[in-house]
Amino acid sequence: MYYDTNDLNNINILDLAYKLGLQLNRSNKCVCFIHEEKEPSLQFYDKTNTWYCFGCGKGGNVITFVQNFTGCDFKTACQWLHETYNLSFNPTINNKKPIQKVSKKGEDNLYKFYDLEINNWVINNSYLDTQGYQYLTMERGLSIKIINKYKICSLNNLEIFYNLEKHFSIDRLITAGYYKIDKNGEVKPIWWSNGILRKQKSKEQRIKRSRKVY
């Protein structure tokens, strides 16, 4: 038995909140069921079909809402939604084609410019800001556990890029894609104003994973 998570997360989250007995105000907010509070801090977003509590930081999509509200696991939440909204079960896991093996030449090209040490230095000296956190939890439906596990952070601090040259050579930073030489011949950091980066595995681990056939 397989669950169509796309269909489940398209269930109207406001309808779901009412179905579970929550009393929403005109701003689609209510008192959070996860922690004790007097003023409503649990916000439902009809446009993105997501939820987020400004009091405890919990949030996500339709499935994660059912999980948090009932305390059940992912599978039970999916089954409950299917039965409650009378949705048919997906007879197949997915329609994705098997991933083909990456050739040795392709692997060499893939990691030619990758610098694990620089990448992880940037991550260890960065953090995930409020805008990035809300985007990942409310719009993408990621859990705090996943965010912390992969050390996801925001690339919004220009000072981090300027400090790179204190720890790594300019040639190495240019090869890794963090610095560039402009048309005037000046060396400058490449600035990603709204980037999100996560901690990467070593080259050996990534190559081993790329060879796996699904």
N, C-alpha and C. Protein backbone atom coordinates (compact mmCIF):
# COMPACT_ATOMS: atom_id res chain seq x y z
N MET A 1 0.85 -1.19 0.00
CA MET A 1 0.00 0.00 0.00
C MET A 1 0.89 1.24 0.00
N TYR A 2 0.70 2.13 -0.99
CA TYR A 2 1.53 3.31 -1.13
C TYR A 2 0.67 4.57 -1.08
N TYR A 3 1.25 5.64 -0.59
CA TYR A 3 0.52 6.88 -0.38
C TYR A 3 0.98 7.95 -1.35
N ASP A 4 0.03 8.67 -1.92
CA ASP A 4 0.35 9.77 -2.82
C ASP A 4 0.50 11.03 -1.97
N THR A 5 1.72 11.35 -1.57
CA THR A 5 1.95 12.48 -0.67
C THR A 5 1.59 13.82 -1.32
N ASN A 6 1.67 13.90 -2.65
CA ASN A 6 1.29 15.14 -3.33
C ASN A 6 -0.19 15.43 -3.14
N ASP A 7 -1.02 14.40 -3.32
CA ASP A 7 -2.46 14.57 -3.12
C ASP A 7 -2.77 14.90 -1.66
N LEU A 8 -2.08 14.24 -0.75
CA LEU A 8 -2.34 14.46 0.68
C LEU A 8 -1.98 15.88 1.09
N ASN A 9 -0.86 16.38 0.62
CA ASN A 9 -0.44 17.73 1.00
C ASN A 9 -1.21 18.81 0.26
N ASN A 10 -2.03 18.41 -0.71
CA ASN A 10 -2.92 19.37 -1.40
C ASN A 10 -4.28 19.48 -0.73
N ILE A 11 -4.53 18.66 0.29
CA ILE A 11 -5.76 18.78 1.07
C ILE A 11 -5.77 20.15 1.74
N ASN A 12 -6.88 20.86 1.66
CA ASN A 12 -6.95 22.21 2.23
C ASN A 12 -6.67 22.18 3.73
N ILE A 13 -5.63 22.87 4.13
CA ILE A 13 -5.20 22.79 5.53
C ILE A 13 -6.16 23.50 6.47
N LEU A 14 -6.89 24.49 5.97
CA LEU A 14 -7.89 25.15 6.81
C LEU A 14 -9.05 24.21 7.09
N ASP A 15 -9.47 23.49 6.06
CA ASP A 15 -10.54 22.50 6.24
C ASP A 15 -10.11 21.42 7.23
N LEU A 16 -8.86 21.02 7.13
CA LEU A 16 -8.33 20.00 8.04
C LEU A 16 -8.32 20.51 9.48
N ALA A 17 -7.94 21.77 9.67
CA ALA A 17 -7.90 22.34 11.02
C ALA A 17 -9.29 22.35 11.65
N TYR A 18 -10.29 22.75 10.86
CA TYR A 18 -11.67 22.75 11.36
C TYR A 18 -12.15 21.33 11.64
N LYS A 19 -11.76 20.41 10.78
CA LYS A 19 -12.18 19.02 10.95
C LYS A 19 -11.64 18.42 12.25
N LEU A 20 -10.45 18.91 12.65
CA LEU A 20 -9.83 18.41 13.87
C LEU A 20 -10.26 19.22 15.10
N GLY A 21 -11.20 20.13 14.90
CA GLY A 21 -11.79 20.84 16.04
C GLY A 21 -11.10 22.11 16.47
N LEU A 22 -10.19 22.65 15.66
CA LEU A 22 -9.51 23.89 16.03
C LEU A 22 -10.37 25.10 15.68
N GLN A 23 -10.36 26.09 16.55
CA GLN A 23 -11.14 27.31 16.34
C GLN A 23 -10.22 28.41 15.84
N LEU A 24 -10.28 28.70 14.55
CA LEU A 24 -9.42 29.71 13.95
C LEU A 24 -10.09 31.08 13.96
N ASN A 25 -9.31 32.13 14.17
CA ASN A 25 -9.87 33.48 14.11
C ASN A 25 -9.85 33.99 12.67
N ARG A 26 -10.16 35.25 12.47
CA ARG A 26 -10.23 35.80 11.11
C ARG A 26 -8.88 35.82 10.41
N SER A 27 -7.83 35.77 11.18
CA SER A 27 -6.47 35.78 10.61
C SER A 27 -5.94 34.36 10.41
N ASN A 28 -6.83 33.37 10.57
CA ASN A 28 -6.46 31.96 10.46
C ASN A 28 -5.41 31.56 11.50
N LYS A 29 -5.57 32.08 12.70
CA LYS A 29 -4.68 31.74 13.81
C LYS A 29 -5.50 31.12 14.94
N CYS A 30 -4.83 30.31 15.75
CA CYS A 30 -5.47 29.73 16.92
C CYS A 30 -4.42 29.42 17.98
N VAL A 31 -4.88 29.05 19.16
CA VAL A 31 -3.97 28.67 20.23
C VAL A 31 -3.30 27.35 19.85
N CYS A 32 -2.00 27.28 20.02
CA CYS A 32 -1.24 26.09 19.62
C CYS A 32 -1.56 24.91 20.53
N PHE A 33 -1.72 23.76 19.93
CA PHE A 33 -2.03 22.54 20.68
C PHE A 33 -0.77 21.84 21.19
N ILE A 34 0.40 22.32 20.77
CA ILE A 34 1.65 21.67 21.14
C ILE A 34 2.16 22.17 22.49
N HIS A 35 1.95 23.46 22.79
CA HIS A 35 2.43 24.03 24.06
C HIS A 35 1.34 24.91 24.66
N GLU A 36 1.50 25.24 25.93
CA GLU A 36 0.52 26.07 26.62
C GLU A 36 0.73 27.55 26.29
N GLU A 37 -0.37 28.23 26.01
CA GLU A 37 -0.30 29.66 25.72
C GLU A 37 -1.69 30.26 25.84
N LYS A 38 -1.73 31.57 26.02
CA LYS A 38 -3.01 32.27 26.15
C LYS A 38 -3.39 32.97 24.85
N GLU A 39 -2.40 33.52 24.18
CA GLU A 39 -2.65 34.21 22.91
C GLU A 39 -2.33 33.28 21.74
N PRO A 40 -3.15 33.29 20.69
CA PRO A 40 -2.91 32.40 19.54
C PRO A 40 -1.62 32.71 18.80
N SER A 41 -0.80 31.70 18.60
CA SER A 41 0.45 31.89 17.86
C SER A 41 0.59 30.88 16.71
N LEU A 42 -0.40 29.99 16.59
CA LEU A 42 -0.37 28.99 15.52
C LEU A 42 -1.05 29.57 14.29
N GLN A 43 -0.28 29.77 13.23
CA GLN A 43 -0.77 30.41 12.00
C GLN A 43 -0.93 29.39 10.88
N PHE A 44 -2.06 29.47 10.18
CA PHE A 44 -2.30 28.63 9.01
C PHE A 44 -2.25 29.52 7.77
N TYR A 45 -1.55 29.04 6.74
CA TYR A 45 -1.37 29.81 5.51
C TYR A 45 -2.14 29.12 4.37
N ASP A 46 -3.25 29.74 3.99
CA ASP A 46 -4.09 29.17 2.95
C ASP A 46 -3.39 29.17 1.60
N LYS A 47 -2.56 30.19 1.34
CA LYS A 47 -1.90 30.34 0.05
C LYS A 47 -0.88 29.24 -0.19
N THR A 48 -0.10 28.90 0.84
CA THR A 48 0.94 27.87 0.69
C THR A 48 0.50 26.53 1.26
N ASN A 49 -0.69 26.50 1.87
CA ASN A 49 -1.23 25.27 2.47
C ASN A 49 -0.27 24.70 3.51
N THR A 50 0.23 25.58 4.36
CA THR A 50 1.18 25.18 5.40
C THR A 50 0.76 25.78 6.74
N TRP A 51 1.49 25.42 7.80
CA TRP A 51 1.22 25.93 9.14
C TRP A 51 2.53 26.21 9.85
N TYR A 52 2.48 27.14 10.81
CA TYR A 52 3.69 27.47 11.57
C TYR A 52 3.29 28.11 12.89
N CYS A 53 3.92 27.66 13.99
CA CYS A 53 3.67 28.23 15.31
C CYS A 53 4.83 29.15 15.67
N PHE A 54 4.53 30.41 15.94
CA PHE A 54 5.55 31.37 16.30
C PHE A 54 5.96 31.24 17.76
N GLY A 55 5.24 30.40 18.49
CA GLY A 55 5.56 30.19 19.89
C GLY A 55 6.59 29.09 20.11
N CYS A 56 6.40 27.95 19.43
CA CYS A 56 7.31 26.81 19.64
C CYS A 56 8.18 26.50 18.43
N GLY A 57 7.88 27.15 17.28
CA GLY A 57 8.71 26.94 16.11
C GLY A 57 8.35 25.73 15.27
N LYS A 58 7.30 25.03 15.64
CA LYS A 58 6.87 23.87 14.85
C LYS A 58 6.11 24.35 13.62
N GLY A 59 6.19 23.57 12.53
CA GLY A 59 5.47 23.93 11.32
C GLY A 59 5.68 22.89 10.24
N GLY A 60 5.00 23.08 9.11
CA GLY A 60 5.17 22.14 8.02
C GLY A 60 3.97 22.08 7.11
N ASN A 61 3.73 20.90 6.54
CA ASN A 61 2.64 20.71 5.58
C ASN A 61 1.47 19.97 6.22
N VAL A 62 0.57 19.46 5.38
CA VAL A 62 -0.62 18.77 5.87
C VAL A 62 -0.25 17.51 6.65
N ILE A 63 0.64 16.71 6.09
CA ILE A 63 1.00 15.44 6.74
C ILE A 63 1.68 15.68 8.09
N THR A 64 2.62 16.62 8.14
CA THR A 64 3.30 16.88 9.41
C THR A 64 2.35 17.47 10.44
N PHE A 65 1.32 18.18 9.98
CA PHE A 65 0.32 18.72 10.90
C PHE A 65 -0.44 17.59 11.59
N VAL A 66 -0.86 16.60 10.81
CA VAL A 66 -1.56 15.45 11.39
C VAL A 66 -0.65 14.69 12.35
N GLN A 67 0.62 14.54 11.98
CA GLN A 67 1.57 13.86 12.84
C GLN A 67 1.71 14.56 14.19
N ASN A 68 1.85 15.88 14.15
CA ASN A 68 2.02 16.64 15.39
C ASN A 68 0.74 16.70 16.20
N PHE A 69 -0.39 16.78 15.53
CA PHE A 69 -1.67 16.90 16.24
C PHE A 69 -2.05 15.59 16.93
N THR A 70 -1.82 14.47 16.26
CA THR A 70 -2.23 13.17 16.81
C THR A 70 -1.09 12.42 17.49
N GLY A 71 0.15 12.83 17.20
CA GLY A 71 1.29 12.13 17.78
C GLY A 71 1.60 10.81 17.08
N CYS A 72 1.09 10.64 15.87
CA CYS A 72 1.30 9.39 15.13
C CYS A 72 2.51 9.50 14.21
N ASP A 73 2.88 8.38 13.59
CA ASP A 73 4.00 8.40 12.66
C ASP A 73 3.54 8.78 11.26
N PHE A 74 4.49 8.87 10.33
CA PHE A 74 4.20 9.31 8.96
C PHE A 74 3.19 8.39 8.27
N LYS A 75 3.41 7.09 8.36
CA LYS A 75 2.54 6.12 7.69
C LYS A 75 1.11 6.21 8.20
N THR A 76 0.95 6.31 9.52
CA THR A 76 -0.39 6.39 10.11
C THR A 76 -1.09 7.67 9.70
N ALA A 77 -0.34 8.78 9.65
CA ALA A 77 -0.91 10.06 9.24
C ALA A 77 -1.42 10.00 7.81
N CYS A 78 -0.63 9.40 6.92
CA CYS A 78 -1.03 9.25 5.51
C CYS A 78 -2.29 8.39 5.39
N GLN A 79 -2.32 7.30 6.12
CA GLN A 79 -3.47 6.40 6.07
C GLN A 79 -4.73 7.09 6.58
N TRP A 80 -4.58 7.86 7.66
CA TRP A 80 -5.73 8.58 8.23
C TRP A 80 -6.27 9.60 7.23
N LEU A 81 -5.39 10.32 6.56
CA LEU A 81 -5.81 11.32 5.58
C LEU A 81 -6.51 10.67 4.39
N HIS A 82 -5.95 9.55 3.91
CA HIS A 82 -6.57 8.83 2.80
C HIS A 82 -7.99 8.40 3.16
N GLU A 83 -8.17 7.86 4.34
CA GLU A 83 -9.48 7.34 4.75
C GLU A 83 -10.45 8.48 5.07
N THR A 84 -9.96 9.54 5.72
CA THR A 84 -10.81 10.66 6.10
C THR A 84 -11.34 11.41 4.89
N TYR A 85 -10.49 11.58 3.87
CA TYR A 85 -10.87 12.33 2.68
C TYR A 85 -11.21 11.42 1.49
N ASN A 86 -11.32 10.13 1.79
CA ASN A 86 -11.76 9.15 0.79
C ASN A 86 -10.93 9.22 -0.49
N LEU A 87 -9.61 9.22 -0.31
CA LEU A 87 -8.69 9.27 -1.44
C LEU A 87 -8.22 7.86 -1.77
N SER A 88 -8.05 7.57 -3.06
CA SER A 88 -7.60 6.24 -3.47
C SER A 88 -6.11 6.10 -3.23
N PHE A 89 -5.67 4.89 -2.94
CA PHE A 89 -4.27 4.63 -2.71
C PHE A 89 -3.54 4.48 -4.04
N ASN A 90 -2.28 4.92 -4.06
CA ASN A 90 -1.47 4.85 -5.27
C ASN A 90 -0.99 3.41 -5.46
N PRO A 91 -1.32 2.76 -6.58
CA PRO A 91 -0.94 1.37 -6.79
C PRO A 91 0.55 1.16 -7.04
N THR A 92 1.27 2.22 -7.38
CA THR A 92 2.70 2.10 -7.64
C THR A 92 3.46 3.06 -6.74
N ILE A 93 4.73 2.77 -6.52
CA ILE A 93 5.54 3.63 -5.67
C ILE A 93 5.75 4.98 -6.33
N ASN A 94 6.21 4.99 -7.55
CA ASN A 94 6.38 6.21 -8.32
C ASN A 94 6.64 5.85 -9.78
N ASN A 95 6.67 6.85 -10.59
CA ASN A 95 6.88 6.64 -12.03
C ASN A 95 8.27 7.09 -12.47
N LYS A 96 9.16 7.25 -11.52
CA LYS A 96 10.50 7.71 -11.86
C LYS A 96 11.30 6.60 -12.53
N LYS A 97 12.10 6.98 -13.50
CA LYS A 97 12.95 6.02 -14.18
C LYS A 97 14.16 5.70 -13.30
N PRO A 98 14.68 4.49 -13.38
CA PRO A 98 15.86 4.13 -12.59
C PRO A 98 17.03 5.04 -12.90
N ILE A 99 17.78 5.39 -11.87
CA ILE A 99 18.96 6.23 -12.05
C ILE A 99 20.09 5.39 -12.62
N GLN A 100 20.65 5.83 -13.72
CA GLN A 100 21.71 5.08 -14.35
C GLN A 100 23.03 5.33 -13.66
N LYS A 101 23.95 4.39 -13.81
CA LYS A 101 25.27 4.52 -13.21
C LYS A 101 26.01 5.71 -13.82
N VAL A 102 26.78 6.38 -12.97
CA VAL A 102 27.60 7.49 -13.44
C VAL A 102 28.94 6.94 -13.89
N SER A 103 29.36 7.32 -15.07
CA SER A 103 30.63 6.83 -15.57
C SER A 103 31.79 7.42 -14.78
N LYS A 104 32.94 6.76 -14.85
CA LYS A 104 34.12 7.24 -14.13
C LYS A 104 34.50 8.64 -14.61
N LYS A 105 34.36 8.87 -15.92
CA LYS A 105 34.68 10.19 -16.47
C LYS A 105 33.72 11.23 -15.92
N GLY A 106 32.44 10.84 -15.80
CA GLY A 106 31.44 11.76 -15.26
C GLY A 106 31.72 12.11 -13.81
N GLU A 107 32.20 11.12 -13.06
CA GLU A 107 32.54 11.35 -11.66
C GLU A 107 33.68 12.35 -11.54
N ASP A 108 34.69 12.19 -12.39
CA ASP A 108 35.84 13.08 -12.34
C ASP A 108 35.41 14.52 -12.62
N ASN A 109 34.52 14.70 -13.60
CA ASN A 109 34.05 16.04 -13.93
C ASN A 109 33.19 16.62 -12.82
N LEU A 110 32.40 15.73 -12.17
CA LEU A 110 31.49 16.16 -11.12
C LEU A 110 32.23 16.74 -9.93
N TYR A 111 33.37 16.14 -9.57
CA TYR A 111 34.10 16.57 -8.39
C TYR A 111 35.37 17.37 -8.71
N LYS A 112 35.52 17.76 -9.96
CA LYS A 112 36.72 18.47 -10.37
C LYS A 112 36.90 19.78 -9.61
N PHE A 113 35.80 20.51 -9.40
CA PHE A 113 35.88 21.80 -8.75
C PHE A 113 35.34 21.79 -7.32
N TYR A 114 34.97 20.62 -6.82
CA TYR A 114 34.37 20.55 -5.49
C TYR A 114 35.46 20.58 -4.41
N ASP A 115 35.30 21.45 -3.41
CA ASP A 115 36.28 21.57 -2.33
C ASP A 115 35.53 21.39 -1.00
N LEU A 116 35.60 20.21 -0.44
CA LEU A 116 34.87 19.87 0.78
C LEU A 116 35.27 20.75 1.95
N GLU A 117 36.57 21.01 2.10
CA GLU A 117 37.06 21.78 3.24
C GLU A 117 36.52 23.21 3.24
N ILE A 118 36.55 23.85 2.07
CA ILE A 118 36.03 25.22 1.97
C ILE A 118 34.53 25.24 2.19
N ASN A 119 33.84 24.30 1.57
CA ASN A 119 32.39 24.24 1.69
C ASN A 119 31.96 24.12 3.15
N ASN A 120 32.60 23.22 3.88
CA ASN A 120 32.23 23.00 5.27
C ASN A 120 32.67 24.16 6.17
N TRP A 121 33.75 24.87 5.80
CA TRP A 121 34.15 26.05 6.57
C TRP A 121 33.06 27.11 6.49
N VAL A 122 32.52 27.31 5.29
CA VAL A 122 31.45 28.29 5.11
C VAL A 122 30.23 27.91 5.95
N ILE A 123 29.86 26.63 5.94
CA ILE A 123 28.71 26.16 6.70
C ILE A 123 28.92 26.35 8.20
N ASN A 124 30.09 25.98 8.69
CA ASN A 124 30.37 26.05 10.12
C ASN A 124 30.44 27.48 10.64
N ASN A 125 30.59 28.43 9.73
CA ASN A 125 30.66 29.84 10.13
C ASN A 125 29.40 30.61 9.70
N SER A 126 28.36 29.89 9.30
CA SER A 126 27.10 30.51 8.88
C SER A 126 25.96 29.98 9.75
N TYR A 127 24.78 30.53 9.54
CA TYR A 127 23.61 30.10 10.30
C TYR A 127 22.37 30.24 9.42
N LEU A 128 21.29 29.62 9.84
CA LEU A 128 20.02 29.71 9.11
C LEU A 128 19.20 30.85 9.69
N ASP A 129 18.95 31.91 8.90
CA ASP A 129 18.20 33.05 9.41
C ASP A 129 16.71 32.76 9.44
N THR A 130 15.94 33.70 9.99
CA THR A 130 14.50 33.51 10.17
C THR A 130 13.78 33.31 8.84
N GLN A 131 14.15 34.09 7.83
CA GLN A 131 13.51 33.97 6.51
C GLN A 131 13.76 32.59 5.92
N GLY A 132 15.00 32.12 6.02
CA GLY A 132 15.33 30.80 5.50
C GLY A 132 14.61 29.70 6.26
N TYR A 133 14.53 29.86 7.59
CA TYR A 133 13.86 28.86 8.42
C TYR A 133 12.38 28.74 8.07
N GLN A 134 11.72 29.89 7.94
CA GLN A 134 10.30 29.88 7.62
C GLN A 134 10.05 29.30 6.23
N TYR A 135 10.94 29.61 5.29
CA TYR A 135 10.80 29.06 3.94
C TYR A 135 10.90 27.54 3.95
N LEU A 136 11.91 27.01 4.65
CA LEU A 136 12.14 25.56 4.66
C LEU A 136 11.04 24.81 5.40
N THR A 137 10.55 25.38 6.52
CA THR A 137 9.55 24.68 7.31
C THR A 137 8.13 24.88 6.78
N MET A 138 7.79 26.10 6.42
CA MET A 138 6.41 26.39 6.03
C MET A 138 6.14 26.10 4.55
N GLU A 139 7.08 26.43 3.68
CA GLU A 139 6.85 26.25 2.25
C GLU A 139 7.37 24.92 1.72
N ARG A 140 8.48 24.46 2.27
CA ARG A 140 9.06 23.20 1.81
C ARG A 140 8.71 22.02 2.71
N GLY A 141 8.20 22.29 3.89
CA GLY A 141 7.74 21.22 4.77
C GLY A 141 8.85 20.43 5.45
N LEU A 142 10.05 20.99 5.59
CA LEU A 142 11.14 20.28 6.24
C LEU A 142 11.00 20.37 7.75
N SER A 143 11.40 19.33 8.44
CA SER A 143 11.34 19.32 9.90
C SER A 143 12.62 19.90 10.48
N ILE A 144 12.55 20.30 11.75
CA ILE A 144 13.73 20.84 12.43
C ILE A 144 14.82 19.78 12.49
N LYS A 145 14.42 18.53 12.65
CA LYS A 145 15.37 17.43 12.73
C LYS A 145 16.20 17.33 11.45
N ILE A 146 15.55 17.45 10.29
CA ILE A 146 16.25 17.38 9.01
C ILE A 146 17.17 18.58 8.83
N ILE A 147 16.69 19.77 9.21
CA ILE A 147 17.48 20.99 9.08
C ILE A 147 18.76 20.88 9.90
N ASN A 148 18.63 20.39 11.13
CA ASN A 148 19.79 20.24 12.01
C ASN A 148 20.71 19.11 11.54
N LYS A 149 20.12 18.02 11.04
CA LYS A 149 20.91 16.88 10.60
C LYS A 149 21.87 17.25 9.48
N TYR A 150 21.37 18.01 8.51
CA TYR A 150 22.19 18.38 7.35
C TYR A 150 22.83 19.76 7.48
N LYS A 151 22.66 20.37 8.66
CA LYS A 151 23.28 21.67 8.96
C LYS A 151 22.99 22.68 7.86
N ILE A 152 21.73 22.81 7.49
CA ILE A 152 21.33 23.74 6.45
C ILE A 152 21.47 25.18 6.96
N CYS A 153 22.07 26.04 6.17
CA CYS A 153 22.28 27.42 6.60
C CYS A 153 22.02 28.39 5.45
N SER A 154 21.92 29.67 5.79
CA SER A 154 21.69 30.71 4.79
C SER A 154 23.02 31.34 4.38
N LEU A 155 23.13 31.67 3.11
CA LEU A 155 24.33 32.36 2.61
C LEU A 155 23.98 33.84 2.42
N ASN A 156 23.87 34.55 3.53
CA ASN A 156 23.46 35.95 3.45
C ASN A 156 24.41 36.88 4.18
N ASN A 157 25.59 36.38 4.53
CA ASN A 157 26.56 37.19 5.25
C ASN A 157 27.80 37.39 4.37
N LEU A 158 27.90 38.57 3.78
CA LEU A 158 29.01 38.86 2.86
C LEU A 158 30.36 38.79 3.56
N GLU A 159 30.38 39.06 4.86
CA GLU A 159 31.63 39.04 5.62
C GLU A 159 32.27 37.65 5.60
N ILE A 160 31.43 36.61 5.57
CA ILE A 160 31.93 35.24 5.52
C ILE A 160 32.80 35.05 4.28
N PHE A 161 32.36 35.57 3.15
CA PHE A 161 33.07 35.40 1.89
C PHE A 161 34.40 36.15 1.89
N TYR A 162 34.42 37.34 2.51
CA TYR A 162 35.66 38.09 2.57
C TYR A 162 36.66 37.44 3.52
N ASN A 163 36.18 36.74 4.52
CA ASN A 163 37.06 36.07 5.48
C ASN A 163 37.66 34.79 4.92
N LEU A 164 37.12 34.30 3.83
CA LEU A 164 37.63 33.07 3.24
C LEU A 164 39.11 33.18 2.87
N GLU A 165 39.50 34.34 2.34
CA GLU A 165 40.88 34.49 1.88
C GLU A 165 41.89 34.51 3.02
N LYS A 166 41.41 34.63 4.26
CA LYS A 166 42.29 34.55 5.42
C LYS A 166 42.65 33.10 5.76
N HIS A 167 41.87 32.18 5.19
CA HIS A 167 42.06 30.76 5.52
C HIS A 167 42.45 29.92 4.31
N PHE A 168 42.13 30.41 3.10
CA PHE A 168 42.42 29.62 1.90
C PHE A 168 43.05 30.52 0.84
N SER A 169 43.82 29.91 -0.05
CA SER A 169 44.48 30.68 -1.11
C SER A 169 43.46 31.18 -2.14
N ILE A 170 43.78 32.30 -2.78
CA ILE A 170 42.89 32.88 -3.78
C ILE A 170 42.66 31.92 -4.95
N ASP A 171 43.73 31.29 -5.41
CA ASP A 171 43.60 30.34 -6.53
C ASP A 171 42.64 29.21 -6.18
N ARG A 172 42.73 28.73 -4.96
CA ARG A 172 41.86 27.64 -4.52
C ARG A 172 40.41 28.10 -4.44
N LEU A 173 40.19 29.32 -3.97
CA LEU A 173 38.83 29.86 -3.86
C LEU A 173 38.21 30.10 -5.22
N ILE A 174 39.02 30.52 -6.19
CA ILE A 174 38.54 30.73 -7.56
C ILE A 174 38.14 29.39 -8.18
N THR A 175 38.98 28.38 -8.00
CA THR A 175 38.70 27.05 -8.55
C THR A 175 37.43 26.47 -7.94
N ALA A 176 37.23 26.71 -6.65
CA ALA A 176 36.06 26.17 -5.95
C ALA A 176 34.78 26.95 -6.25
N GLY A 177 34.91 28.10 -6.91
CA GLY A 177 33.73 28.87 -7.30
C GLY A 177 33.28 29.90 -6.28
N TYR A 178 34.11 30.21 -5.28
CA TYR A 178 33.74 31.20 -4.28
C TYR A 178 34.25 32.59 -4.63
N TYR A 179 35.32 32.67 -5.42
CA TYR A 179 35.87 33.94 -5.86
C TYR A 179 35.93 33.96 -7.39
N LYS A 180 36.03 35.16 -7.95
CA LYS A 180 36.13 35.30 -9.39
C LYS A 180 37.01 36.50 -9.73
N ILE A 181 37.48 36.53 -10.95
CA ILE A 181 38.25 37.67 -11.45
C ILE A 181 37.34 38.44 -12.40
N ASP A 182 37.05 39.70 -12.08
CA ASP A 182 36.12 40.47 -12.90
C ASP A 182 36.82 41.01 -14.15
N LYS A 183 36.10 41.76 -14.96
CA LYS A 183 36.61 42.25 -16.24
C LYS A 183 37.75 43.25 -16.07
N ASN A 184 37.86 43.81 -14.85
CA ASN A 184 38.95 44.76 -14.57
C ASN A 184 40.16 44.07 -13.96
N GLY A 185 40.09 42.75 -13.85
CA GLY A 185 41.21 42.00 -13.31
C GLY A 185 41.24 41.94 -11.79
N GLU A 186 40.18 42.42 -11.14
CA GLU A 186 40.13 42.39 -9.68
C GLU A 186 39.52 41.08 -9.18
N VAL A 187 40.06 40.57 -8.09
CA VAL A 187 39.55 39.34 -7.49
C VAL A 187 38.48 39.69 -6.46
N LYS A 188 37.29 39.13 -6.63
CA LYS A 188 36.16 39.43 -5.75
C LYS A 188 35.40 38.15 -5.39
N PRO A 189 34.77 38.12 -4.22
CA PRO A 189 33.95 36.95 -3.86
C PRO A 189 32.68 36.93 -4.69
N ILE A 190 32.22 35.74 -5.02
CA ILE A 190 30.94 35.58 -5.72
C ILE A 190 29.85 35.61 -4.68
N TRP A 191 28.95 36.55 -4.80
CA TRP A 191 27.93 36.78 -3.76
C TRP A 191 26.60 36.16 -4.17
N TRP A 192 26.10 35.24 -3.31
CA TRP A 192 24.77 34.64 -3.51
C TRP A 192 23.87 35.23 -2.46
N SER A 193 23.00 36.14 -2.85
CA SER A 193 22.21 36.89 -1.86
C SER A 193 21.16 36.04 -1.15
N ASN A 194 20.61 35.04 -1.82
CA ASN A 194 19.55 34.25 -1.20
C ASN A 194 19.83 32.76 -1.27
N GLY A 195 21.09 32.40 -1.14
CA GLY A 195 21.45 30.99 -1.24
C GLY A 195 21.20 30.20 0.03
N ILE A 196 21.04 28.90 -0.13
CA ILE A 196 20.93 27.99 1.00
C ILE A 196 21.89 26.85 0.76
N LEU A 197 22.68 26.54 1.77
CA LEU A 197 23.72 25.53 1.62
C LEU A 197 23.57 24.50 2.72
N ARG A 198 23.91 23.23 2.40
CA ARG A 198 23.88 22.20 3.44
C ARG A 198 25.21 21.47 3.47
N LYS A 199 25.49 20.87 4.61
CA LYS A 199 26.77 20.18 4.79
C LYS A 199 26.85 19.02 3.82
N GLN A 200 27.99 18.89 3.15
CA GLN A 200 28.18 17.86 2.14
C GLN A 200 28.99 16.70 2.69
N LYS A 201 28.83 15.55 2.06
CA LYS A 201 29.64 14.39 2.41
C LYS A 201 30.97 14.48 1.68
N SER A 202 31.90 13.65 2.09
CA SER A 202 33.21 13.65 1.45
C SER A 202 33.09 13.16 0.02
N LYS A 203 34.12 13.39 -0.78
CA LYS A 203 34.12 12.98 -2.18
C LYS A 203 33.92 11.48 -2.30
N GLU A 204 34.61 10.72 -1.44
CA GLU A 204 34.51 9.26 -1.51
C GLU A 204 33.10 8.79 -1.20
N GLN A 205 32.45 9.40 -0.19
CA GLN A 205 31.09 9.02 0.17
C GLN A 205 30.12 9.36 -0.95
N ARG A 206 30.31 10.55 -1.60
CA ARG A 206 29.40 11.00 -2.65
C ARG A 206 29.55 10.13 -3.90
N ILE A 207 30.78 9.74 -4.24
CA ILE A 207 31.00 8.88 -5.39
C ILE A 207 30.38 7.52 -5.16
N LYS A 208 30.55 6.99 -3.96
CA LYS A 208 29.99 5.68 -3.62
C LYS A 208 28.47 5.71 -3.77
N ARG A 209 27.85 6.81 -3.33
CA ARG A 209 26.41 6.93 -3.43
C ARG A 209 25.95 7.09 -4.86
N SER A 210 26.73 7.82 -5.69
CA SER A 210 26.34 8.06 -7.08
C SER A 210 26.36 6.79 -7.91
N ARG A 211 27.10 5.79 -7.47
CA ARG A 211 27.17 4.55 -8.23
C ARG A 211 26.01 3.62 -7.93
N LYS A 212 25.21 3.97 -6.95
CA LYS A 212 24.11 3.09 -6.59
C LYS A 212 23.00 3.15 -7.62
N VAL A 213 22.45 2.01 -7.98
CA VAL A 213 21.36 1.96 -8.95
C VAL A 213 20.07 1.68 -8.21
N TYR A 214 19.03 2.51 -8.45
CA TYR A 214 17.76 2.35 -7.77
C TYR A 214 16.77 1.61 -8.64
